[in-house]
Amino acid sequence: MQLQRRDLLALLGAACAPAVWAQSAFPSKALRIVVPFGAGGVADLTARTVGQKLSQTLGQPVVIENKPGAGGVGAADTVAKAAPDGHTLLLMSNASAVTATLFNKLPYDTVKDFTPVSTLGFFDIAVVTASESKFKTLGEVLAYAKAHPGQLNVGSINIGSTQNLAAELFKSNAGVDMQIVPFNGTPAVVNALRGGQIDVAVEIVSPIMGQIKGGALRALAITDSTRSALLPEVPTTQEAGLPRYQASSWNALAVPSGTPKDVVARLHREIAAALSDPEVSKKLRELNIEPRSMSPEQTATFLQAEIRRWGDVIVKANIPRQ
């Protein structure tokens, strides 16, 4: 009887061993977050801030690999082809949703080849003008555009960028004829504003916060549905005369499709905990990023909605596919 009991215990132990092994197998090596932007930008700093915390809680190094260019296609393709074991993650953004429509052919399927894990944060976009501008409110801009069709010049960075598409969405929602003028970067947009070549611009707040705080630029409206914590006195576009207009930029993390569900769940728990950490939250808010975690299912639904939304903007603006 005793022998049978020992045998039974041994069998039970053997049966439980694979489950214990599977649970402890992840992570078994360093994690890699592939960022489709250069070092020092908002996306890179977000990944590094969250990655540092993940390294502490997961007990493995988290390496940030910057792979800018080509609308993030190269970075996404790298992750899509990586082993689906949770050790390689992609930093997704608005660009991930945009390229799904903007590019005629991608080496991956944005929806089918990735499993979103969680959003990381959302950051504000603003309609701004030069401090010397005659426009003091967004209402004045809209009134001028209606009275002078085709004469209002709205600046943004490159065609197909989040800022450019937000400007096109602004034009569509305003229902007026205005010129969208693209530039090759934020400094060029700021110089054009201050030089009077454009009337207003649509830009992410973070890189121009210094000019706004320093008085060189005036923020007329925040394009999100809520006011910015860093610019609480600036109304939203919805408050300022465009009730149907909303646009914000975001970052998220995803893994290759086929990654085990328990690994995705573990990553989500650790990311959500990292975003709730007071120190991480403080660092992100200093970058004008609102930390916000969504479940894998919510993030997947959100991504698909963003693809549809920006796809509609691209079609309406007649932006040529690449």
C-alpha atoms as a PDB file:
ATOM      1  CA  MET A   1       0.000   0.000   0.000  1.00  0.00           C
ATOM      2  CA  GLN A   2       2.823   2.361   0.887  1.00  0.00           C
ATOM      3  CA  LEU A   3       4.587   1.569  -2.389  1.00  0.00           C
ATOM      4  CA  GLN A   4       1.442   2.352  -4.298  1.00  0.00           C
ATOM      5  CA  ARG A   5       1.089   5.650  -2.459  1.00  0.00           C
ATOM      6  CA  ARG A   6       4.693   6.582  -3.352  1.00  0.00           C
ATOM      7  CA  ASP A   7       4.094   5.597  -6.944  1.00  0.00           C
ATOM      8  CA  LEU A   8       0.959   7.702  -7.004  1.00  0.00           C
ATOM      9  CA  LEU A   9       2.801  10.699  -5.604  1.00  0.00           C
ATOM     10  CA  ALA A  10       5.548  10.230  -8.172  1.00  0.00           C
ATOM     11  CA  LEU A  11       3.014  10.107 -10.959  1.00  0.00           C
ATOM     12  CA  LEU A  12       1.302  13.232  -9.678  1.00  0.00           C
ATOM     13  CA  GLY A  13       4.648  14.988  -9.477  1.00  0.00           C
ATOM     14  CA  ALA A  14       5.492  14.007 -13.028  1.00  0.00           C
ATOM     15  CA  ALA A  15       2.109  15.210 -14.243  1.00  0.00           C
ATOM     16  CA  CYS A  16       2.549  18.577 -12.567  1.00  0.00           C
ATOM     17  CA  ALA A  17       6.136  19.055 -13.743  1.00  0.00           C
ATOM     18  CA  PRO A  18       5.352  20.192 -17.303  1.00  0.00           C
ATOM     19  CA  ALA A  19       2.921  22.835 -16.017  1.00  0.00           C
ATOM     20  CA  VAL A  20       5.494  24.138 -13.557  1.00  0.00           C
ATOM     21  CA  TRP A  21       8.159  24.122 -16.262  1.00  0.00           C
ATOM     22  CA  ALA A  22       5.922  25.973 -18.723  1.00  0.00           C
ATOM     23  CA  GLN A  23       5.125  28.616 -16.167  1.00  0.00           C
ATOM     24  CA  SER A  24       8.773  29.219 -15.280  1.00  0.00           C
ATOM     25  CA  ALA A  25      10.113  28.971 -18.854  1.00  0.00           C
ATOM     26  CA  PHE A  26       9.190  32.581 -19.683  1.00  0.00           C
ATOM     27  CA  PRO A  27      11.217  34.644 -19.822  1.00  0.00           C
ATOM     28  CA  SER A  28      14.263  32.464 -20.371  1.00  0.00           C
ATOM     29  CA  LYS A  29      16.481  35.125 -21.950  1.00  0.00           C
ATOM     30  CA  ALA A  30      16.685  38.855 -22.668  1.00  0.00           C
ATOM     31  CA  LEU A  31      13.631  40.545 -24.163  1.00  0.00           C
ATOM     32  CA  ARG A  32      13.928  42.769 -27.224  1.00  0.00           C
ATOM     33  CA  ILE A  33      11.606  45.690 -27.983  1.00  0.00           C
ATOM     34  CA  VAL A  34      11.949  46.764 -31.620  1.00  0.00           C
ATOM     35  CA  VAL A  35      11.153  50.489 -31.944  1.00  0.00           C
ATOM     36  CA  PRO A  36      10.429  51.828 -35.460  1.00  0.00           C
ATOM     37  CA  PHE A  37      11.807  55.274 -34.554  1.00  0.00           C
ATOM     38  CA  GLY A  38      15.202  56.740 -33.754  1.00  0.00           C
ATOM     39  CA  ALA A  39      16.694  57.071 -30.286  1.00  0.00           C
ATOM     40  CA  GLY A  40      15.619  60.022 -28.167  1.00  0.00           C
ATOM     41  CA  GLY A  41      12.081  60.433 -29.520  1.00  0.00           C
ATOM     42  CA  VAL A  42       8.870  60.005 -27.573  1.00  0.00           C
ATOM     43  CA  ALA A  43       8.363  56.395 -28.702  1.00  0.00           C
ATOM     44  CA  ASP A  44      11.939  55.466 -27.844  1.00  0.00           C
ATOM     45  CA  LEU A  45      11.786  57.097 -24.413  1.00  0.00           C
ATOM     46  CA  THR A  46       8.455  55.388 -23.701  1.00  0.00           C
ATOM     47  CA  ALA A  47       9.894  51.988 -24.591  1.00  0.00           C
ATOM     48  CA  ARG A  48      13.006  52.580 -22.481  1.00  0.00           C
ATOM     49  CA  THR A  49      11.034  53.779 -19.458  1.00  0.00           C
ATOM     50  CA  VAL A  50       8.644  50.825 -19.509  1.00  0.00           C
ATOM     51  CA  GLY A  51      11.391  48.396 -20.551  1.00  0.00           C
ATOM     52  CA  GLN A  52      13.541  49.300 -17.568  1.00  0.00           C
ATOM     53  CA  LYS A  53      10.699  48.442 -15.203  1.00  0.00           C
ATOM     54  CA  LEU A  54       9.915  45.218 -17.073  1.00  0.00           C
ATOM     55  CA  SER A  55      13.536  44.176 -16.715  1.00  0.00           C
ATOM     56  CA  GLN A  56      13.219  44.464 -12.940  1.00  0.00           C
ATOM     57  CA  THR A  57       9.961  42.527 -12.667  1.00  0.00           C
ATOM     58  CA  LEU A  58      10.727  39.848 -15.264  1.00  0.00           C
ATOM     59  CA  GLY A  59      14.274  39.296 -14.081  1.00  0.00           C
ATOM     60  CA  GLN A  60      15.780  39.537 -17.572  1.00  0.00           C
ATOM     61  CA  PRO A  61      17.425  42.384 -19.522  1.00  0.00           C
ATOM     62  CA  VAL A  62      15.145  44.332 -21.869  1.00  0.00           C
ATOM     63  CA  VAL A  63      17.019  45.590 -24.927  1.00  0.00           C
ATOM     64  CA  ILE A  64      15.668  48.451 -27.057  1.00  0.00           C
ATOM     65  CA  GLU A  65      16.460  48.045 -30.752  1.00  0.00           C
ATOM     66  CA  ASN A  66      15.858  51.202 -32.794  1.00  0.00           C
ATOM     67  CA  LYS A  67      14.939  50.448 -36.401  1.00  0.00           C
ATOM     68  CA  PRO A  68      13.630  53.688 -37.955  1.00  0.00           C
ATOM     69  CA  GLY A  69      12.554  54.295 -41.530  1.00  0.00           C
ATOM     70  CA  ALA A  70      10.074  53.150 -44.181  1.00  0.00           C
ATOM     71  CA  GLY A  71       7.020  53.934 -42.071  1.00  0.00           C
ATOM     72  CA  GLY A  72       8.055  51.338 -39.519  1.00  0.00           C
ATOM     73  CA  VAL A  73       7.699  48.501 -42.029  1.00  0.00           C
ATOM     74  CA  GLY A  74      11.218  47.136 -41.426  1.00  0.00           C
ATOM     75  CA  ALA A  75      10.750  47.069 -37.664  1.00  0.00           C
ATOM     76  CA  ALA A  76       7.363  45.388 -37.916  1.00  0.00           C
ATOM     77  CA  ASP A  77       8.646  42.809 -40.394  1.00  0.00           C
ATOM     78  CA  THR A  78      11.506  41.935 -38.022  1.00  0.00           C
ATOM     79  CA  VAL A  79       9.042  41.155 -35.223  1.00  0.00           C
ATOM     80  CA  ALA A  80       6.546  39.383 -37.479  1.00  0.00           C
ATOM     81  CA  LYS A  81       9.302  36.940 -38.470  1.00  0.00           C
ATOM     82  CA  ALA A  82      10.637  36.484 -34.909  1.00  0.00           C
ATOM     83  CA  ALA A  83      10.000  33.375 -32.825  1.00  0.00           C
ATOM     84  CA  PRO A  84       6.533  33.644 -31.217  1.00  0.00           C
ATOM     85  CA  ASP A  85       7.832  33.089 -27.691  1.00  0.00           C
ATOM     86  CA  GLY A  86       7.263  36.526 -26.130  1.00  0.00           C
ATOM     87  CA  HIS A  87      10.920  37.543 -26.154  1.00  0.00           C
ATOM     88  CA  THR A  88      10.583  39.906 -29.157  1.00  0.00           C
ATOM     89  CA  LEU A  89       8.063  42.748 -29.019  1.00  0.00           C
ATOM     90  CA  LEU A  90       7.108  45.520 -31.426  1.00  0.00           C
ATOM     91  CA  LEU A  91       6.390  49.056 -30.350  1.00  0.00           C
ATOM     92  CA  MET A  92       3.248  49.897 -32.316  1.00  0.00           C
ATOM     93  CA  SER A  93       1.918  53.409 -32.895  1.00  0.00           C
ATOM     94  CA  ASN A  94      -0.435  55.382 -35.117  1.00  0.00           C
ATOM     95  CA  ALA A  95       2.037  54.624 -37.912  1.00  0.00           C
ATOM     96  CA  SER A  96       1.189  50.929 -37.606  1.00  0.00           C
ATOM     97  CA  ALA A  97      -2.455  51.729 -38.354  1.00  0.00           C
ATOM     98  CA  VAL A  98      -1.578  54.184 -41.124  1.00  0.00           C
ATOM     99  CA  THR A  99       0.766  51.877 -43.055  1.00  0.00           C
ATOM    100  CA  ALA A 100      -1.919  49.191 -43.172  1.00  0.00           C
ATOM    101  CA  THR A 101      -3.735  51.379 -45.708  1.00  0.00           C
ATOM    102  CA  LEU A 102      -0.998  53.690 -47.008  1.00  0.00           C
ATOM    103  CA  PHE A 103       1.201  50.912 -48.416  1.00  0.00           C
ATOM    104  CA  ASN A 104       0.014  48.888 -51.404  1.00  0.00           C
ATOM    105  CA  LYS A 105       1.839  45.798 -50.219  1.00  0.00           C
ATOM    106  CA  LEU A 106       3.341  44.918 -46.850  1.00  0.00           C
ATOM    107  CA  PRO A 107       5.481  41.852 -46.036  1.00  0.00           C
ATOM    108  CA  TYR A 108       3.107  41.134 -43.148  1.00  0.00           C
ATOM    109  CA  ASP A 109      -0.550  41.564 -42.171  1.00  0.00           C
ATOM    110  CA  THR A 110      -0.888  44.227 -39.464  1.00  0.00           C
ATOM    111  CA  VAL A 111      -3.864  42.472 -37.880  1.00  0.00           C
ATOM    112  CA  LYS A 112      -3.178  38.774 -38.483  1.00  0.00           C
ATOM    113  CA  ASP A 113       0.590  38.626 -37.897  1.00  0.00           C
ATOM    114  CA  PHE A 114       0.674  40.346 -34.500  1.00  0.00           C
ATOM    115  CA  THR A 115      -0.962  39.834 -31.137  1.00  0.00           C
ATOM    116  CA  PRO A 116      -1.346  43.170 -29.335  1.00  0.00           C
ATOM    117  CA  VAL A 117      -0.400  42.940 -25.658  1.00  0.00           C
ATOM    118  CA  SER A 118      -1.269  46.358 -24.261  1.00  0.00           C
ATOM    119  CA  THR A 119      -1.375  50.031 -25.024  1.00  0.00           C
ATOM    120  CA  LEU A 120       1.339  52.017 -23.240  1.00  0.00           C
ATOM    121  CA  GLY A 121       0.223  55.600 -23.472  1.00  0.00           C
ATOM    122  CA  PHE A 122      -1.504  58.352 -25.389  1.00  0.00           C
ATOM    123  CA  PHE A 123      -0.023  61.755 -26.164  1.00  0.00           C
ATOM    124  CA  ASP A 124      -1.544  65.000 -27.291  1.00  0.00           C
ATOM    125  CA  ILE A 125      -1.629  66.707 -30.661  1.00  0.00           C
ATOM    126  CA  ALA A 126      -2.338  70.438 -30.847  1.00  0.00           C
ATOM    127  CA  VAL A 127      -3.381  73.063 -33.359  1.00  0.00           C
ATOM    128  CA  VAL A 128      -0.821  75.836 -32.906  1.00  0.00           C
ATOM    129  CA  THR A 129       0.088  79.177 -34.406  1.00  0.00           C
ATOM    130  CA  ALA A 130       2.866  81.735 -33.998  1.00  0.00           C
ATOM    131  CA  SER A 131       2.651  84.053 -31.017  1.00  0.00           C
ATOM    132  CA  GLU A 132       2.501  87.037 -33.419  1.00  0.00           C
ATOM    133  CA  SER A 133      -0.414  85.525 -35.347  1.00  0.00           C
ATOM    134  CA  LYS A 134      -3.698  87.378 -35.663  1.00  0.00           C
ATOM    135  CA  PHE A 135      -5.491  84.165 -34.645  1.00  0.00           C
ATOM    136  CA  LYS A 136      -6.166  84.011 -30.927  1.00  0.00           C
ATOM    137  CA  THR A 137      -8.680  81.128 -30.938  1.00  0.00           C
ATOM    138  CA  LEU A 138      -9.546  78.138 -33.081  1.00  0.00           C
ATOM    139  CA  GLY A 139     -12.924  79.757 -33.720  1.00  0.00           C
ATOM    140  CA  GLU A 140     -11.160  82.668 -35.426  1.00  0.00           C
ATOM    141  CA  VAL A 141      -9.197  80.230 -37.596  1.00  0.00           C
ATOM    142  CA  LEU A 142     -12.380  78.438 -38.681  1.00  0.00           C
ATOM    143  CA  ALA A 143     -14.175  81.723 -39.383  1.00  0.00           C
ATOM    144  CA  TYR A 144     -11.281  82.929 -41.556  1.00  0.00           C
ATOM    145  CA  ALA A 145     -11.133  79.623 -43.439  1.00  0.00           C
ATOM    146  CA  LYS A 146     -14.855  79.808 -44.228  1.00  0.00           C
ATOM    147  CA  ALA A 147     -14.621  83.420 -45.370  1.00  0.00           C
ATOM    148  CA  HIS A 148     -11.463  82.827 -47.441  1.00  0.00           C
ATOM    149  CA  PRO A 149     -11.710  79.396 -49.141  1.00  0.00           C
ATOM    150  CA  GLY A 150      -8.345  77.921 -50.067  1.00  0.00           C
ATOM    151  CA  GLN A 151      -6.323  80.662 -48.391  1.00  0.00           C
ATOM    152  CA  LEU A 152      -5.647  79.150 -44.972  1.00  0.00           C
ATOM    153  CA  ASN A 153      -2.361  77.232 -44.920  1.00  0.00           C
ATOM    154  CA  VAL A 154      -2.088  74.418 -42.372  1.00  0.00           C
ATOM    155  CA  GLY A 155       1.358  72.913 -41.794  1.00  0.00           C
ATOM    156  CA  SER A 156       2.333  69.402 -40.726  1.00  0.00           C
ATOM    157  CA  ILE A 157       5.268  67.057 -41.090  1.00  0.00           C
ATOM    158  CA  ASN A 158       5.531  64.491 -43.898  1.00  0.00           C
ATOM    159  CA  ILE A 159       2.559  63.258 -45.931  1.00  0.00           C
ATOM    160  CA  GLY A 160       1.101  60.146 -44.308  1.00  0.00           C
ATOM    161  CA  SER A 161       2.445  60.970 -40.836  1.00  0.00           C
ATOM    162  CA  THR A 162       0.117  61.076 -37.848  1.00  0.00           C
ATOM    163  CA  GLN A 163       0.316  64.872 -37.806  1.00  0.00           C
ATOM    164  CA  ASN A 164      -0.390  65.120 -41.534  1.00  0.00           C
ATOM    165  CA  LEU A 165      -3.402  62.821 -41.332  1.00  0.00           C
ATOM    166  CA  ALA A 166      -4.642  64.672 -38.238  1.00  0.00           C
ATOM    167  CA  ALA A 167      -4.442  67.864 -40.320  1.00  0.00           C
ATOM    168  CA  GLU A 168      -6.397  66.201 -43.133  1.00  0.00           C
ATOM    169  CA  LEU A 169      -8.991  65.031 -40.595  1.00  0.00           C
ATOM    170  CA  PHE A 170      -9.124  68.607 -39.254  1.00  0.00           C
ATOM    171  CA  LYS A 171      -9.829  69.875 -42.782  1.00  0.00           C
ATOM    172  CA  SER A 172     -12.502  67.232 -43.355  1.00  0.00           C
ATOM    173  CA  ASN A 173     -14.265  67.896 -40.044  1.00  0.00           C
ATOM    174  CA  ALA A 174     -14.137  71.654 -40.511  1.00  0.00           C
ATOM    175  CA  GLY A 175     -15.790  71.246 -43.915  1.00  0.00           C
ATOM    176  CA  VAL A 176     -13.815  74.105 -45.457  1.00  0.00           C
ATOM    177  CA  ASP A 177     -11.249  74.464 -48.221  1.00  0.00           C
ATOM    178  CA  MET A 178      -7.779  74.855 -46.700  1.00  0.00           C
ATOM    179  CA  GLN A 179      -4.288  73.961 -47.890  1.00  0.00           C
ATOM    180  CA  ILE A 180      -2.339  71.232 -46.056  1.00  0.00           C
ATOM    181  CA  VAL A 181       1.373  72.012 -46.423  1.00  0.00           C
ATOM    182  CA  PRO A 182       3.818  69.193 -45.528  1.00  0.00           C
ATOM    183  CA  PHE A 183       7.362  69.773 -44.232  1.00  0.00           C
ATOM    184  CA  ASN A 184      10.248  67.383 -43.592  1.00  0.00           C
ATOM    185  CA  GLY A 185      10.252  67.761 -39.826  1.00  0.00           C
ATOM    186  CA  THR A 186       9.038  69.630 -36.780  1.00  0.00           C
ATOM    187  CA  PRO A 187      11.792  72.329 -36.868  1.00  0.00           C
ATOM    188  CA  ALA A 188      10.782  73.198 -40.443  1.00  0.00           C
ATOM    189  CA  VAL A 189       7.131  73.476 -39.388  1.00  0.00           C
ATOM    190  CA  VAL A 190       8.034  75.795 -36.503  1.00  0.00           C
ATOM    191  CA  ASN A 191      10.209  77.971 -38.750  1.00  0.00           C
ATOM    192  CA  ALA A 192       7.393  78.239 -41.311  1.00  0.00           C
ATOM    193  CA  LEU A 193       4.942  79.242 -38.590  1.00  0.00           C
ATOM    194  CA  ARG A 194       7.233  81.897 -37.170  1.00  0.00           C
ATOM    195  CA  GLY A 195       8.125  83.110 -40.666  1.00  0.00           C
ATOM    196  CA  GLY A 196       4.489  83.482 -41.697  1.00  0.00           C
ATOM    197  CA  GLN A 197       4.607  80.902 -44.526  1.00  0.00           C
ATOM    198  CA  ILE A 198       1.792  78.952 -42.863  1.00  0.00           C
ATOM    199  CA  ASP A 199      -1.045  80.144 -40.629  1.00  0.00           C
ATOM    200  CA  VAL A 200      -1.429  77.244 -38.219  1.00  0.00           C
ATOM    201  CA  ALA A 201       0.075  73.794 -37.755  1.00  0.00           C
ATOM    202  CA  VAL A 202      -0.990  70.424 -36.386  1.00  0.00           C
ATOM    203  CA  GLU A 203       1.797  68.903 -34.300  1.00  0.00           C
ATOM    204  CA  ILE A 204       2.425  66.545 -31.393  1.00  0.00           C
ATOM    205  CA  VAL A 205       2.767  68.635 -28.239  1.00  0.00           C
ATOM    206  CA  SER A 206       5.930  67.087 -26.784  1.00  0.00           C
ATOM    207  CA  PRO A 207       8.483  68.371 -29.343  1.00  0.00           C
ATOM    208  CA  ILE A 208       7.038  71.910 -29.338  1.00  0.00           C
ATOM    209  CA  MET A 209       6.301  72.273 -25.636  1.00  0.00           C
ATOM    210  CA  GLY A 210       9.420  74.398 -25.196  1.00  0.00           C
ATOM    211  CA  GLN A 211       8.257  76.880 -27.857  1.00  0.00           C
ATOM    212  CA  ILE A 212       4.755  76.993 -26.353  1.00  0.00           C
ATOM    213  CA  LYS A 213       6.024  77.543 -22.810  1.00  0.00           C
ATOM    214  CA  GLY A 214       8.614  80.029 -24.094  1.00  0.00           C
ATOM    215  CA  GLY A 215       5.975  82.100 -25.874  1.00  0.00           C
ATOM    216  CA  ALA A 216       7.139  81.536 -29.458  1.00  0.00           C
ATOM    217  CA  LEU A 217       4.032  79.481 -30.297  1.00  0.00           C
ATOM    218  CA  ARG A 218       0.423  79.686 -29.155  1.00  0.00           C
ATOM    219  CA  ALA A 219      -1.631  76.520 -28.676  1.00  0.00           C
ATOM    220  CA  LEU A 220      -5.158  77.103 -29.946  1.00  0.00           C
ATOM    221  CA  ALA A 221      -6.638  73.683 -29.217  1.00  0.00           C
ATOM    222  CA  ILE A 222      -5.797  70.142 -28.126  1.00  0.00           C
ATOM    223  CA  THR A 223      -7.118  67.573 -30.590  1.00  0.00           C
ATOM    224  CA  ASP A 224      -7.924  64.865 -28.022  1.00  0.00           C
ATOM    225  CA  SER A 225     -11.302  64.592 -26.300  1.00  0.00           C
ATOM    226  CA  THR A 226      -9.843  65.784 -22.979  1.00  0.00           C
ATOM    227  CA  ARG A 227      -7.579  68.693 -22.114  1.00  0.00           C
ATOM    228  CA  SER A 228      -3.851  68.207 -21.734  1.00  0.00           C
ATOM    229  CA  ALA A 229      -2.519  67.942 -18.189  1.00  0.00           C
ATOM    230  CA  LEU A 230       0.452  70.061 -19.264  1.00  0.00           C
ATOM    231  CA  LEU A 231      -1.707  72.713 -20.987  1.00  0.00           C
ATOM    232  CA  PRO A 232      -4.911  72.687 -18.945  1.00  0.00           C
ATOM    233  CA  GLU A 233      -5.867  76.198 -20.060  1.00  0.00           C
ATOM    234  CA  VAL A 234      -6.004  75.170 -23.748  1.00  0.00           C
ATOM    235  CA  PRO A 235      -9.456  73.960 -24.900  1.00  0.00           C
ATOM    236  CA  THR A 236     -10.024  70.793 -26.905  1.00  0.00           C
ATOM    237  CA  THR A 237     -11.021  71.071 -30.553  1.00  0.00           C
ATOM    238  CA  GLN A 238     -14.439  69.774 -29.521  1.00  0.00           C
ATOM    239  CA  GLU A 239     -14.802  72.629 -27.029  1.00  0.00           C
ATOM    240  CA  ALA A 240     -13.445  75.151 -29.535  1.00  0.00           C
ATOM    241  CA  GLY A 241     -15.878  74.571 -32.377  1.00  0.00           C
ATOM    242  CA  LEU A 242     -15.312  71.128 -33.934  1.00  0.00           C
ATOM    243  CA  PRO A 243     -17.583  68.775 -31.938  1.00  0.00           C
ATOM    244  CA  ARG A 244     -16.815  65.697 -34.080  1.00  0.00           C
ATOM    245  CA  TYR A 245     -13.040  66.101 -34.262  1.00  0.00           C
ATOM    246  CA  GLN A 246     -10.724  63.958 -32.143  1.00  0.00           C
ATOM    247  CA  ALA A 247      -7.189  62.777 -32.802  1.00  0.00           C
ATOM    248  CA  SER A 248      -4.406  61.605 -30.536  1.00  0.00           C
ATOM    249  CA  SER A 249      -1.185  59.676 -30.887  1.00  0.00           C
ATOM    250  CA  TRP A 250      -0.484  56.428 -29.057  1.00  0.00           C
ATOM    251  CA  ASN A 251       1.998  53.637 -28.455  1.00  0.00           C
ATOM    252  CA  ALA A 252       1.408  49.949 -27.730  1.00  0.00           C
ATOM    253  CA  LEU A 253       3.343  46.697 -27.518  1.00  0.00           C
ATOM    254  CA  ALA A 254       2.671  43.589 -29.599  1.00  0.00           C
ATOM    255  CA  VAL A 255       4.236  40.165 -30.111  1.00  0.00           C
ATOM    256  CA  PRO A 256       4.217  37.846 -33.137  1.00  0.00           C
ATOM    257  CA  SER A 257       0.954  35.979 -33.628  1.00  0.00           C
ATOM    258  CA  GLY A 258       1.105  32.456 -32.256  1.00  0.00           C
ATOM    259  CA  THR A 259       2.707  33.565 -29.006  1.00  0.00           C
ATOM    260  CA  PRO A 260       1.235  31.375 -26.197  1.00  0.00           C
ATOM    261  CA  LYS A 261      -1.708  32.948 -24.427  1.00  0.00           C
ATOM    262  CA  ASP A 262      -0.146  32.523 -21.000  1.00  0.00           C
ATOM    263  CA  VAL A 263       2.943  34.428 -22.159  1.00  0.00           C
ATOM    264  CA  VAL A 264       0.778  37.240 -23.586  1.00  0.00           C
ATOM    265  CA  ALA A 265      -1.160  37.341 -20.302  1.00  0.00           C
ATOM    266  CA  ARG A 266       2.064  37.510 -18.272  1.00  0.00           C
ATOM    267  CA  LEU A 267       3.438  40.319 -20.420  1.00  0.00           C
ATOM    268  CA  HIS A 268       0.183  42.232 -20.114  1.00  0.00           C
ATOM    269  CA  ARG A 269       0.155  41.928 -16.329  1.00  0.00           C
ATOM    270  CA  GLU A 270       3.738  43.161 -16.066  1.00  0.00           C
ATOM    271  CA  ILE A 271       3.162  46.054 -18.508  1.00  0.00           C
ATOM    272  CA  ALA A 272       0.003  47.141 -16.673  1.00  0.00           C
ATOM    273  CA  ALA A 273       1.875  47.010 -13.363  1.00  0.00           C
ATOM    274  CA  ALA A 274       4.759  49.015 -14.836  1.00  0.00           C
ATOM    275  CA  LEU A 275       2.405  51.738 -16.082  1.00  0.00           C
ATOM    276  CA  SER A 276       0.820  51.909 -12.613  1.00  0.00           C
ATOM    277  CA  ASP A 277       4.198  52.321 -10.935  1.00  0.00           C
ATOM    278  CA  PRO A 278       4.433  55.910  -9.578  1.00  0.00           C
ATOM    279  CA  GLU A 279       7.968  56.453 -10.870  1.00  0.00           C
ATOM    280  CA  VAL A 280       7.199  55.155 -14.372  1.00  0.00           C
ATOM    281  CA  SER A 281       3.950  57.117 -14.491  1.00  0.00           C
ATOM    282  CA  LYS A 282       5.746  60.298 -13.435  1.00  0.00           C
ATOM    283  CA  LYS A 283       8.436  59.908 -16.107  1.00  0.00           C
ATOM    284  CA  LEU A 284       5.862  59.318 -18.841  1.00  0.00           C
ATOM    285  CA  ARG A 285       3.720  62.279 -17.809  1.00  0.00           C
ATOM    286  CA  GLU A 286       6.816  64.482 -17.904  1.00  0.00           C
ATOM    287  CA  LEU A 287       7.029  63.482 -21.580  1.00  0.00           C
ATOM    288  CA  ASN A 288       3.378  64.523 -22.003  1.00  0.00           C
ATOM    289  CA  ILE A 289       2.314  60.878 -22.251  1.00  0.00           C
ATOM    290  CA  GLU A 290      -0.777  59.684 -20.426  1.00  0.00           C
ATOM    291  CA  PRO A 291      -0.031  56.097 -19.278  1.00  0.00           C
ATOM    292  CA  ARG A 292      -2.913  53.794 -20.135  1.00  0.00           C
ATOM    293  CA  SER A 293      -3.049  50.022 -20.370  1.00  0.00           C
ATOM    294  CA  MET A 294      -5.704  48.109 -22.303  1.00  0.00           C
ATOM    295  CA  SER A 295      -6.197  44.358 -22.289  1.00  0.00           C
ATOM    296  CA  PRO A 296      -4.889  42.389 -25.289  1.00  0.00           C
ATOM    297  CA  GLU A 297      -8.455  42.087 -26.608  1.00  0.00           C
ATOM    298  CA  GLN A 298      -9.163  45.798 -26.153  1.00  0.00           C
ATOM    299  CA  THR A 299      -5.873  46.735 -27.784  1.00  0.00           C
ATOM    300  CA  ALA A 300      -6.632  44.521 -30.794  1.00  0.00           C
ATOM    301  CA  THR A 301     -10.068  46.118 -31.187  1.00  0.00           C
ATOM    302  CA  PHE A 302      -8.550  49.578 -30.819  1.00  0.00           C
ATOM    303  CA  LEU A 303      -5.905  48.848 -33.479  1.00  0.00           C
ATOM    304  CA  GLN A 304      -8.511  47.667 -35.971  1.00  0.00           C
ATOM    305  CA  ALA A 305     -10.620  50.790 -35.319  1.00  0.00           C
ATOM    306  CA  GLU A 306      -7.563  52.987 -35.886  1.00  0.00           C
ATOM    307  CA  ILE A 307      -6.802  51.223 -39.172  1.00  0.00           C
ATOM    308  CA  ARG A 308     -10.356  51.897 -40.374  1.00  0.00           C
ATOM    309  CA  ARG A 309     -10.336  55.511 -39.199  1.00  0.00           C
ATOM    310  CA  TRP A 310      -7.018  56.555 -40.714  1.00  0.00           C
ATOM    311  CA  GLY A 311      -7.763  54.495 -43.816  1.00  0.00           C
ATOM    312  CA  ASP A 312     -10.864  56.609 -44.393  1.00  0.00           C
ATOM    313  CA  VAL A 313      -8.809  59.793 -43.962  1.00  0.00           C
ATOM    314  CA  ILE A 314      -6.220  58.592 -46.493  1.00  0.00           C
ATOM    315  CA  VAL A 315      -8.922  57.782 -49.050  1.00  0.00           C
ATOM    316  CA  LYS A 316     -10.782  61.089 -48.577  1.00  0.00           C
ATOM    317  CA  ALA A 317      -7.567  63.095 -48.810  1.00  0.00           C
ATOM    318  CA  ASN A 318      -6.565  61.252 -52.006  1.00  0.00           C
ATOM    319  CA  ILE A 319      -3.162  60.481 -50.539  1.00  0.00           C
ATOM    320  CA  PRO A 320      -1.400  58.185 -53.037  1.00  0.00           C
ATOM    321  CA  ARG A 321      -0.514  54.726 -51.818  1.00  0.00           C
ATOM    322  CA  GLN A 322       3.157  53.850 -51.603  1.00  0.00           C
END
